[in-house]
Amino acid sequence: ADYLLWGDRTDQADVWAAHDPVGMAAALDGKPIYVSWQDGQPGPLDPPEATFDDLEAWVAPQNEAFVARSEELGIPVTVETGQGTHSWPYWQQGLHHALPILLEALEE
């Protein structure tokens, strides 16, 4: 599936470029970064009837590219990834793990 996250990639190339996390990674230098994603396969927090999640599988390589670019720039990133879908239990787990990082950043 090709999700039109910021419109058509060709017709709205300027909009895509303005929102591309990989291209904008350098702007995050010095800021705490937490990135979490799953692989789209039903995982430990999914109900037994869960099926493969195309959206999460589509997002995964984008997250991997962002993390790779950040590391290339020497920007530390906290990463959490594994088996699972694009669903609330994984968002909730990620938020609980990210919250200390976010709160510490607010205290600085």
N, C-alpha and C. Protein backbone atom coordinates (compact mmCIF):
# COMPACT_ATOMS: atom_id res chain seq x y z
N ALA A 1 0.84 -1.19 0.00
CA ALA A 1 0.00 0.00 0.00
C ALA A 1 0.88 1.24 0.00
N ASP A 2 0.46 2.26 -0.71
CA ASP A 2 1.18 3.52 -0.71
C ASP A 2 0.25 4.58 -0.11
N TYR A 3 0.51 4.93 1.12
CA TYR A 3 -0.33 5.90 1.81
C TYR A 3 0.10 7.31 1.42
N LEU A 4 -0.85 8.15 1.08
CA LEU A 4 -0.56 9.52 0.66
C LEU A 4 -0.53 10.42 1.89
N LEU A 5 0.49 10.21 2.69
CA LEU A 5 0.61 10.87 3.99
C LEU A 5 0.53 12.39 3.87
N TRP A 6 1.27 12.97 2.92
CA TRP A 6 1.26 14.42 2.73
C TRP A 6 0.88 14.76 1.31
N GLY A 7 -0.09 14.04 0.75
CA GLY A 7 -0.53 14.28 -0.62
C GLY A 7 0.27 13.42 -1.59
N ASP A 8 0.09 13.70 -2.86
CA ASP A 8 0.80 12.96 -3.91
C ASP A 8 2.29 13.27 -3.85
N ARG A 9 3.13 12.22 -3.85
CA ARG A 9 4.58 12.40 -3.72
C ARG A 9 5.17 13.28 -4.82
N THR A 10 4.62 13.19 -6.02
CA THR A 10 5.16 13.96 -7.15
C THR A 10 4.59 15.37 -7.18
N ASP A 11 3.28 15.46 -7.17
CA ASP A 11 2.62 16.77 -7.26
C ASP A 11 2.89 17.65 -6.04
N GLN A 12 3.07 17.04 -4.88
CA GLN A 12 3.31 17.80 -3.66
C GLN A 12 4.68 17.46 -3.06
N ALA A 13 5.67 17.36 -3.93
CA ALA A 13 7.03 17.02 -3.48
C ALA A 13 7.54 18.03 -2.45
N ASP A 14 7.16 19.31 -2.60
CA ASP A 14 7.60 20.33 -1.66
C ASP A 14 6.99 20.10 -0.27
N VAL A 15 5.76 19.66 -0.23
CA VAL A 15 5.09 19.38 1.05
C VAL A 15 5.75 18.16 1.71
N TRP A 16 6.02 17.12 0.91
CA TRP A 16 6.70 15.94 1.43
C TRP A 16 8.06 16.33 1.99
N ALA A 17 8.83 17.12 1.25
CA ALA A 17 10.18 17.52 1.70
C ALA A 17 10.11 18.32 2.99
N ALA A 18 9.10 19.15 3.13
CA ALA A 18 8.96 20.00 4.32
C ALA A 18 8.58 19.20 5.57
N HIS A 19 8.12 17.98 5.38
CA HIS A 19 7.68 17.16 6.51
C HIS A 19 8.46 15.86 6.66
N ASP A 20 9.48 15.66 5.84
CA ASP A 20 10.24 14.42 5.84
C ASP A 20 11.18 14.36 7.05
N PRO A 21 10.90 13.48 8.02
CA PRO A 21 11.76 13.40 9.20
C PRO A 21 13.20 13.04 8.88
N VAL A 22 13.43 12.22 7.87
CA VAL A 22 14.80 11.84 7.51
C VAL A 22 15.57 13.08 7.05
N GLY A 23 14.96 13.87 6.21
CA GLY A 23 15.60 15.08 5.71
C GLY A 23 15.77 16.16 6.76
N MET A 24 14.96 16.11 7.79
CA MET A 24 15.00 17.15 8.83
C MET A 24 15.67 16.67 10.11
N ALA A 25 16.27 15.49 10.10
CA ALA A 25 16.85 14.90 11.32
C ALA A 25 17.88 15.81 11.97
N ALA A 26 18.69 16.51 11.19
CA ALA A 26 19.74 17.36 11.76
C ALA A 26 19.18 18.42 12.69
N ALA A 27 17.96 18.85 12.45
CA ALA A 27 17.34 19.88 13.29
C ALA A 27 17.04 19.38 14.70
N LEU A 28 17.11 18.08 14.89
CA LEU A 28 16.81 17.51 16.21
C LEU A 28 18.05 17.29 17.06
N ASP A 29 19.19 17.68 16.56
CA ASP A 29 20.43 17.51 17.31
C ASP A 29 20.31 18.20 18.67
N GLY A 30 20.69 17.48 19.72
CA GLY A 30 20.64 18.03 21.07
C GLY A 30 19.31 17.82 21.77
N LYS A 31 18.34 17.24 21.07
CA LYS A 31 17.03 16.99 21.67
C LYS A 31 16.88 15.49 21.92
N PRO A 32 16.21 15.12 23.00
CA PRO A 32 15.99 13.69 23.23
C PRO A 32 14.99 13.15 22.21
N ILE A 33 15.32 12.01 21.62
CA ILE A 33 14.47 11.43 20.59
C ILE A 33 14.12 10.00 20.99
N TYR A 34 12.84 9.69 20.93
CA TYR A 34 12.34 8.35 21.19
C TYR A 34 11.53 7.94 19.97
N VAL A 35 11.85 6.79 19.39
CA VAL A 35 11.14 6.29 18.22
C VAL A 35 10.70 4.87 18.50
N SER A 36 9.42 4.60 18.25
CA SER A 36 8.87 3.27 18.51
C SER A 36 8.04 2.84 17.31
N TRP A 37 8.22 1.59 16.89
CA TRP A 37 7.39 1.01 15.85
C TRP A 37 7.43 -0.50 15.96
N GLN A 38 6.49 -1.12 15.28
CA GLN A 38 6.41 -2.58 15.25
C GLN A 38 6.55 -3.04 13.79
N ASP A 39 6.54 -4.35 13.59
CA ASP A 39 6.75 -4.88 12.24
C ASP A 39 5.47 -5.20 11.47
N GLY A 40 4.32 -5.06 12.10
CA GLY A 40 3.05 -5.34 11.43
C GLY A 40 2.51 -6.74 11.69
N GLN A 41 3.37 -7.64 12.16
CA GLN A 41 2.91 -8.99 12.51
C GLN A 41 2.20 -8.93 13.86
N PRO A 42 1.10 -9.64 14.03
CA PRO A 42 0.47 -9.66 15.34
C PRO A 42 1.49 -10.06 16.41
N GLY A 43 1.50 -9.32 17.49
CA GLY A 43 2.49 -9.53 18.53
C GLY A 43 1.88 -9.80 19.88
N PRO A 44 2.69 -9.68 20.92
CA PRO A 44 2.26 -10.07 22.26
C PRO A 44 1.14 -9.21 22.85
N LEU A 45 0.94 -8.00 22.37
CA LEU A 45 -0.11 -7.14 22.91
C LEU A 45 -1.37 -7.16 22.06
N ASP A 46 -1.37 -7.96 20.98
CA ASP A 46 -2.53 -8.05 20.09
C ASP A 46 -3.47 -9.16 20.52
N PRO A 47 -4.77 -9.01 20.21
CA PRO A 47 -5.71 -10.09 20.52
C PRO A 47 -5.45 -11.27 19.57
N PRO A 48 -5.90 -12.46 19.93
CA PRO A 48 -5.65 -13.65 19.12
C PRO A 48 -6.13 -13.54 17.67
N GLU A 49 -7.17 -12.75 17.44
CA GLU A 49 -7.74 -12.64 16.09
C GLU A 49 -7.03 -11.59 15.22
N ALA A 50 -6.02 -10.92 15.74
CA ALA A 50 -5.32 -9.88 15.00
C ALA A 50 -4.67 -10.46 13.74
N THR A 51 -4.65 -9.63 12.69
CA THR A 51 -4.04 -10.03 11.43
C THR A 51 -2.91 -9.07 11.08
N PHE A 52 -2.18 -9.38 10.03
CA PHE A 52 -1.07 -8.54 9.60
C PHE A 52 -1.55 -7.11 9.36
N ASP A 53 -0.75 -6.14 9.80
CA ASP A 53 -1.11 -4.72 9.72
C ASP A 53 -0.23 -4.04 8.66
N ASP A 54 -0.83 -3.79 7.48
CA ASP A 54 -0.10 -3.15 6.38
C ASP A 54 0.44 -1.78 6.76
N LEU A 55 -0.34 -1.00 7.52
CA LEU A 55 0.09 0.36 7.88
C LEU A 55 1.37 0.32 8.71
N GLU A 56 1.40 -0.52 9.72
CA GLU A 56 2.60 -0.57 10.57
C GLU A 56 3.80 -1.08 9.78
N ALA A 57 3.57 -2.04 8.90
CA ALA A 57 4.65 -2.55 8.06
C ALA A 57 5.15 -1.46 7.10
N TRP A 58 4.26 -0.58 6.64
CA TRP A 58 4.63 0.52 5.76
C TRP A 58 5.44 1.58 6.52
N VAL A 59 5.10 1.80 7.78
CA VAL A 59 5.78 2.81 8.60
C VAL A 59 7.17 2.34 9.03
N ALA A 60 7.34 1.05 9.24
CA ALA A 60 8.60 0.52 9.78
C ALA A 60 9.84 0.96 9.01
N PRO A 61 9.91 0.83 7.68
CA PRO A 61 11.13 1.24 6.97
C PRO A 61 11.39 2.75 7.06
N GLN A 62 10.33 3.53 7.20
CA GLN A 62 10.52 4.97 7.35
C GLN A 62 11.17 5.29 8.70
N ASN A 63 10.73 4.60 9.72
CA ASN A 63 11.34 4.77 11.04
C ASN A 63 12.80 4.30 11.02
N GLU A 64 13.05 3.18 10.36
CA GLU A 64 14.41 2.67 10.26
C GLU A 64 15.31 3.67 9.54
N ALA A 65 14.80 4.30 8.48
CA ALA A 65 15.58 5.30 7.74
C ALA A 65 15.86 6.52 8.61
N PHE A 66 14.88 6.95 9.41
CA PHE A 66 15.08 8.09 10.29
C PHE A 66 16.14 7.78 11.34
N VAL A 67 16.06 6.60 11.94
CA VAL A 67 17.03 6.22 12.97
C VAL A 67 18.43 6.12 12.35
N ALA A 68 18.52 5.53 11.17
CA ALA A 68 19.82 5.41 10.50
C ALA A 68 20.41 6.78 10.20
N ARG A 69 19.59 7.71 9.73
CA ARG A 69 20.08 9.06 9.43
C ARG A 69 20.50 9.78 10.70
N SER A 70 19.74 9.63 11.77
CA SER A 70 20.09 10.26 13.04
C SER A 70 21.42 9.73 13.55
N GLU A 71 21.59 8.42 13.47
CA GLU A 71 22.86 7.82 13.92
C GLU A 71 24.02 8.28 13.04
N GLU A 72 23.76 8.39 11.75
CA GLU A 72 24.78 8.90 10.81
C GLU A 72 25.23 10.30 11.21
N LEU A 73 24.30 11.10 11.71
CA LEU A 73 24.59 12.46 12.14
C LEU A 73 25.14 12.52 13.57
N GLY A 74 25.22 11.37 14.24
CA GLY A 74 25.71 11.33 15.61
C GLY A 74 24.68 11.77 16.62
N ILE A 75 23.41 11.71 16.26
CA ILE A 75 22.33 12.11 17.16
C ILE A 75 21.79 10.85 17.84
N PRO A 76 21.87 10.78 19.16
CA PRO A 76 21.38 9.59 19.86
C PRO A 76 19.86 9.47 19.78
N VAL A 77 19.40 8.25 19.61
CA VAL A 77 17.97 7.96 19.51
C VAL A 77 17.66 6.75 20.38
N THR A 78 16.64 6.86 21.19
CA THR A 78 16.14 5.71 21.93
C THR A 78 15.13 5.01 21.03
N VAL A 79 15.35 3.73 20.77
CA VAL A 79 14.52 2.97 19.83
C VAL A 79 13.86 1.80 20.53
N GLU A 80 12.58 1.63 20.25
CA GLU A 80 11.85 0.46 20.73
C GLU A 80 11.10 -0.11 19.54
N THR A 81 11.37 -1.34 19.21
CA THR A 81 10.72 -1.97 18.08
C THR A 81 10.53 -3.45 18.35
N GLY A 82 9.65 -4.05 17.61
CA GLY A 82 9.41 -5.47 17.79
C GLY A 82 8.23 -5.93 16.97
N GLN A 83 7.67 -7.04 17.35
CA GLN A 83 6.54 -7.62 16.65
C GLN A 83 5.26 -7.00 17.20
N GLY A 84 4.38 -6.54 16.30
CA GLY A 84 3.12 -5.97 16.73
C GLY A 84 2.48 -5.14 15.64
N THR A 85 1.31 -4.61 15.93
CA THR A 85 0.51 -3.87 14.98
C THR A 85 0.43 -2.38 15.36
N HIS A 86 -0.19 -1.60 14.48
CA HIS A 86 -0.38 -0.17 14.68
C HIS A 86 -1.66 0.00 15.51
N SER A 87 -1.57 -0.31 16.80
CA SER A 87 -2.76 -0.31 17.64
C SER A 87 -2.45 0.26 19.02
N TRP A 88 -3.53 0.59 19.73
CA TRP A 88 -3.41 1.29 21.01
C TRP A 88 -2.48 0.62 22.01
N PRO A 89 -2.50 -0.69 22.20
CA PRO A 89 -1.61 -1.25 23.23
C PRO A 89 -0.13 -0.91 23.00
N TYR A 90 0.29 -0.84 21.74
CA TYR A 90 1.69 -0.51 21.46
C TYR A 90 1.94 0.99 21.63
N TRP A 91 0.95 1.81 21.28
CA TRP A 91 1.08 3.26 21.52
C TRP A 91 1.18 3.51 23.02
N GLN A 92 0.34 2.84 23.79
CA GLN A 92 0.34 3.02 25.24
C GLN A 92 1.68 2.58 25.83
N GLN A 93 2.17 1.43 25.41
CA GLN A 93 3.47 0.95 25.88
C GLN A 93 4.58 1.94 25.54
N GLY A 94 4.57 2.42 24.30
CA GLY A 94 5.57 3.39 23.87
C GLY A 94 5.49 4.68 24.68
N LEU A 95 4.27 5.15 24.94
CA LEU A 95 4.11 6.38 25.72
C LEU A 95 4.66 6.19 27.13
N HIS A 96 4.39 5.07 27.74
CA HIS A 96 4.93 4.81 29.08
C HIS A 96 6.45 4.79 29.08
N HIS A 97 7.04 4.26 28.03
CA HIS A 97 8.50 4.22 27.94
C HIS A 97 9.08 5.58 27.57
N ALA A 98 8.35 6.36 26.78
CA ALA A 98 8.83 7.67 26.34
C ALA A 98 8.61 8.76 27.38
N LEU A 99 7.62 8.60 28.23
CA LEU A 99 7.25 9.66 29.17
C LEU A 99 8.42 10.14 30.04
N PRO A 100 9.23 9.26 30.61
CA PRO A 100 10.37 9.76 31.40
C PRO A 100 11.33 10.61 30.56
N ILE A 101 11.54 10.24 29.32
CA ILE A 101 12.41 11.00 28.42
C ILE A 101 11.80 12.38 28.15
N LEU A 102 10.50 12.41 27.90
CA LEU A 102 9.81 13.68 27.65
C LEU A 102 9.81 14.59 28.88
N LEU A 103 9.52 14.02 30.03
CA LEU A 103 9.50 14.81 31.26
C LEU A 103 10.88 15.36 31.59
N GLU A 104 11.91 14.57 31.40
CA GLU A 104 13.27 15.05 31.64
C GLU A 104 13.60 16.21 30.71
N ALA A 105 13.18 16.11 29.46
CA ALA A 105 13.44 17.19 28.50
C ALA A 105 12.73 18.47 28.91
N LEU A 106 11.57 18.36 29.48
CA LEU A 106 10.81 19.54 29.91
C LEU A 106 11.46 20.23 31.12
N GLU A 107 12.19 19.45 31.92
CA GLU A 107 12.85 20.01 33.10
C GLU A 107 14.11 20.78 32.75
N GLU A 108 14.65 20.55 31.58
CA GLU A 108 15.92 21.18 31.19
C GLU A 108 15.74 22.65 30.87
